[in-house]
Amino acid sequence: MKQHHPLEPHWFLPLIGVDPSCHGQGLGTALMQYGLVARDRDGKLAYLDSTKLSNIPFYERFGFELVGKIEIGHHPPVYPMLRRPR
């Protein structure tokens, strides 16, 4: 996993979640926008590890790019993603 983490200062998104009963209301979008505004203002990279392939399009909408695929043994793959400040 270390090979995908940026060496320069960055913001790491450990997790984001919305209660399933509230999906489709824009709450995940609001959470991402809130965090990314500050990262853009500070000129910092944003990094995350997506544990679900199906979440990648959501993160791509905010400018995250897939930078690899991490597979360890029989564990589900992890998808590291990076976003440059705007």
C-alpha atoms as a PDB file:
ATOM      1  CA  MET A   1       0.000   0.000   0.000  1.00  0.00           C
ATOM      2  CA  LYS A   2       2.896   2.301   0.757  1.00  0.00           C
ATOM      3  CA  GLN A   3       3.937   2.541  -2.898  1.00  0.00           C
ATOM      4  CA  HIS A   4       0.668   4.316  -3.766  1.00  0.00           C
ATOM      5  CA  HIS A   5       0.639   6.869  -0.922  1.00  0.00           C
ATOM      6  CA  PRO A   6       1.936  10.251  -2.062  1.00  0.00           C
ATOM      7  CA  LEU A   7       5.232  11.345  -0.520  1.00  0.00           C
ATOM      8  CA  GLU A   8       4.283  15.018  -0.471  1.00  0.00           C
ATOM      9  CA  PRO A   9       1.899  16.436   2.167  1.00  0.00           C
ATOM     10  CA  HIS A  10      -1.642  15.293   1.443  1.00  0.00           C
ATOM     11  CA  TRP A  11      -5.077  14.828   2.908  1.00  0.00           C
ATOM     12  CA  PHE A  12      -6.045  11.206   3.507  1.00  0.00           C
ATOM     13  CA  LEU A  13      -9.727  10.347   3.356  1.00  0.00           C
ATOM     14  CA  PRO A  14     -10.048   7.334   5.671  1.00  0.00           C
ATOM     15  CA  LEU A  15     -13.739   6.780   5.016  1.00  0.00           C
ATOM     16  CA  ILE A  16     -16.944   8.452   3.995  1.00  0.00           C
ATOM     17  CA  GLY A  17     -20.379   7.041   4.458  1.00  0.00           C
ATOM     18  CA  VAL A  18     -24.043   7.879   4.360  1.00  0.00           C
ATOM     19  CA  ASP A  19     -26.762   5.825   5.980  1.00  0.00           C
ATOM     20  CA  PRO A  20     -28.397   3.747   3.237  1.00  0.00           C
ATOM     21  CA  SER A  21     -31.798   5.198   4.124  1.00  0.00           C
ATOM     22  CA  CYS A  22     -30.433   8.622   3.119  1.00  0.00           C
ATOM     23  CA  HIS A  23     -28.793   7.635  -0.184  1.00  0.00           C
ATOM     24  CA  GLY A  24     -29.702   9.761  -3.179  1.00  0.00           C
ATOM     25  CA  GLN A  25     -30.113  12.971  -1.176  1.00  0.00           C
ATOM     26  CA  GLY A  26     -26.735  14.486  -2.028  1.00  0.00           C
ATOM     27  CA  LEU A  27     -25.212  13.971   1.411  1.00  0.00           C
ATOM     28  CA  GLY A  28     -22.130  12.133   0.135  1.00  0.00           C
ATOM     29  CA  THR A  29     -21.593  14.871  -2.438  1.00  0.00           C
ATOM     30  CA  ALA A  30     -21.895  17.546   0.255  1.00  0.00           C
ATOM     31  CA  LEU A  31     -19.348  15.754   2.447  1.00  0.00           C
ATOM     32  CA  MET A  32     -16.849  15.455  -0.407  1.00  0.00           C
ATOM     33  CA  GLN A  33     -17.293  19.055  -1.515  1.00  0.00           C
ATOM     34  CA  TYR A  34     -16.819  20.320   2.042  1.00  0.00           C
ATOM     35  CA  GLY A  35     -13.511  18.504   2.438  1.00  0.00           C
ATOM     36  CA  LEU A  36     -12.184  19.228  -1.025  1.00  0.00           C
ATOM     37  CA  VAL A  37     -12.765  22.985  -0.844  1.00  0.00           C
ATOM     38  CA  ALA A  38     -10.248  23.212   1.990  1.00  0.00           C
ATOM     39  CA  ARG A  39      -7.752  20.936   0.197  1.00  0.00           C
ATOM     40  CA  ASP A  40      -7.969  23.056  -2.936  1.00  0.00           C
ATOM     41  CA  ARG A  41      -7.569  26.262  -0.936  1.00  0.00           C
ATOM     42  CA  ASP A  42      -4.462  24.854   0.764  1.00  0.00           C
ATOM     43  CA  GLY A  43      -3.120  23.347  -2.463  1.00  0.00           C
ATOM     44  CA  LYS A  44      -2.961  19.842  -0.961  1.00  0.00           C
ATOM     45  CA  LEU A  45      -3.367  16.480  -2.651  1.00  0.00           C
ATOM     46  CA  ALA A  46      -6.234  14.269  -1.554  1.00  0.00           C
ATOM     47  CA  TYR A  47      -5.742  10.504  -1.316  1.00  0.00           C
ATOM     48  CA  LEU A  48      -8.088   7.633  -0.547  1.00  0.00           C
ATOM     49  CA  ASP A  49      -8.289   3.865  -0.711  1.00  0.00           C
ATOM     50  CA  SER A  50     -11.607   2.696  -2.139  1.00  0.00           C
ATOM     51  CA  THR A  51     -12.622  -0.733  -0.918  1.00  0.00           C
ATOM     52  CA  LYS A  52     -15.432  -1.028  -3.448  1.00  0.00           C
ATOM     53  CA  LEU A  53     -14.971  -0.955  -7.194  1.00  0.00           C
ATOM     54  CA  SER A  54     -18.525   0.374  -7.510  1.00  0.00           C
ATOM     55  CA  ASN A  55     -17.543   3.575  -5.589  1.00  0.00           C
ATOM     56  CA  ILE A  56     -14.842   4.586  -8.055  1.00  0.00           C
ATOM     57  CA  PRO A  57     -17.193   6.540 -10.385  1.00  0.00           C
ATOM     58  CA  PHE A  58     -18.394   8.573  -7.374  1.00  0.00           C
ATOM     59  CA  TYR A  59     -14.824   9.587  -6.508  1.00  0.00           C
ATOM     60  CA  GLU A  60     -13.943  10.220 -10.156  1.00  0.00           C
ATOM     61  CA  ARG A  61     -16.729  12.833 -10.309  1.00  0.00           C
ATOM     62  CA  PHE A  62     -14.657  14.860  -7.832  1.00  0.00           C
ATOM     63  CA  GLY A  63     -11.429  14.524  -9.793  1.00  0.00           C
ATOM     64  CA  PHE A  64      -9.907  11.466  -8.111  1.00  0.00           C
ATOM     65  CA  GLU A  65      -7.892   9.229 -10.410  1.00  0.00           C
ATOM     66  CA  LEU A  66      -7.332   5.524  -9.947  1.00  0.00           C
ATOM     67  CA  VAL A  67      -3.604   4.933  -9.390  1.00  0.00           C
ATOM     68  CA  GLY A  68      -3.507   1.191  -8.898  1.00  0.00           C
ATOM     69  CA  LYS A  69      -5.041  -1.934  -7.481  1.00  0.00           C
ATOM     70  CA  ILE A  70      -3.795  -3.555  -4.294  1.00  0.00           C
ATOM     71  CA  GLU A  71      -4.327  -7.266  -3.868  1.00  0.00           C
ATOM     72  CA  ILE A  72      -3.002  -9.103  -0.830  1.00  0.00           C
ATOM     73  CA  GLY A  73      -3.652 -12.799  -0.491  1.00  0.00           C
ATOM     74  CA  HIS A  74      -7.335 -13.684  -0.455  1.00  0.00           C
ATOM     75  CA  HIS A  75      -8.467 -10.247   0.756  1.00  0.00           C
ATOM     76  CA  PRO A  76     -10.744  -8.092  -1.403  1.00  0.00           C
ATOM     77  CA  PRO A  77      -8.810  -5.632  -3.593  1.00  0.00           C
ATOM     78  CA  VAL A  78      -8.280  -2.018  -2.573  1.00  0.00           C
ATOM     79  CA  TYR A  79      -8.211   0.777  -5.155  1.00  0.00           C
ATOM     80  CA  PRO A  80      -5.931   3.733  -4.312  1.00  0.00           C
ATOM     81  CA  MET A  81      -7.048   7.070  -5.754  1.00  0.00           C
ATOM     82  CA  LEU A  82      -5.419  10.498  -5.910  1.00  0.00           C
ATOM     83  CA  ARG A  83      -6.779  13.981  -6.553  1.00  0.00           C
ATOM     84  CA  ARG A  84      -4.613  16.979  -7.351  1.00  0.00           C
ATOM     85  CA  PRO A  85      -5.740  20.358  -5.973  1.00  0.00           C
ATOM     86  CA  ARG A  86      -7.666  22.650  -8.283  1.00  0.00           C
END
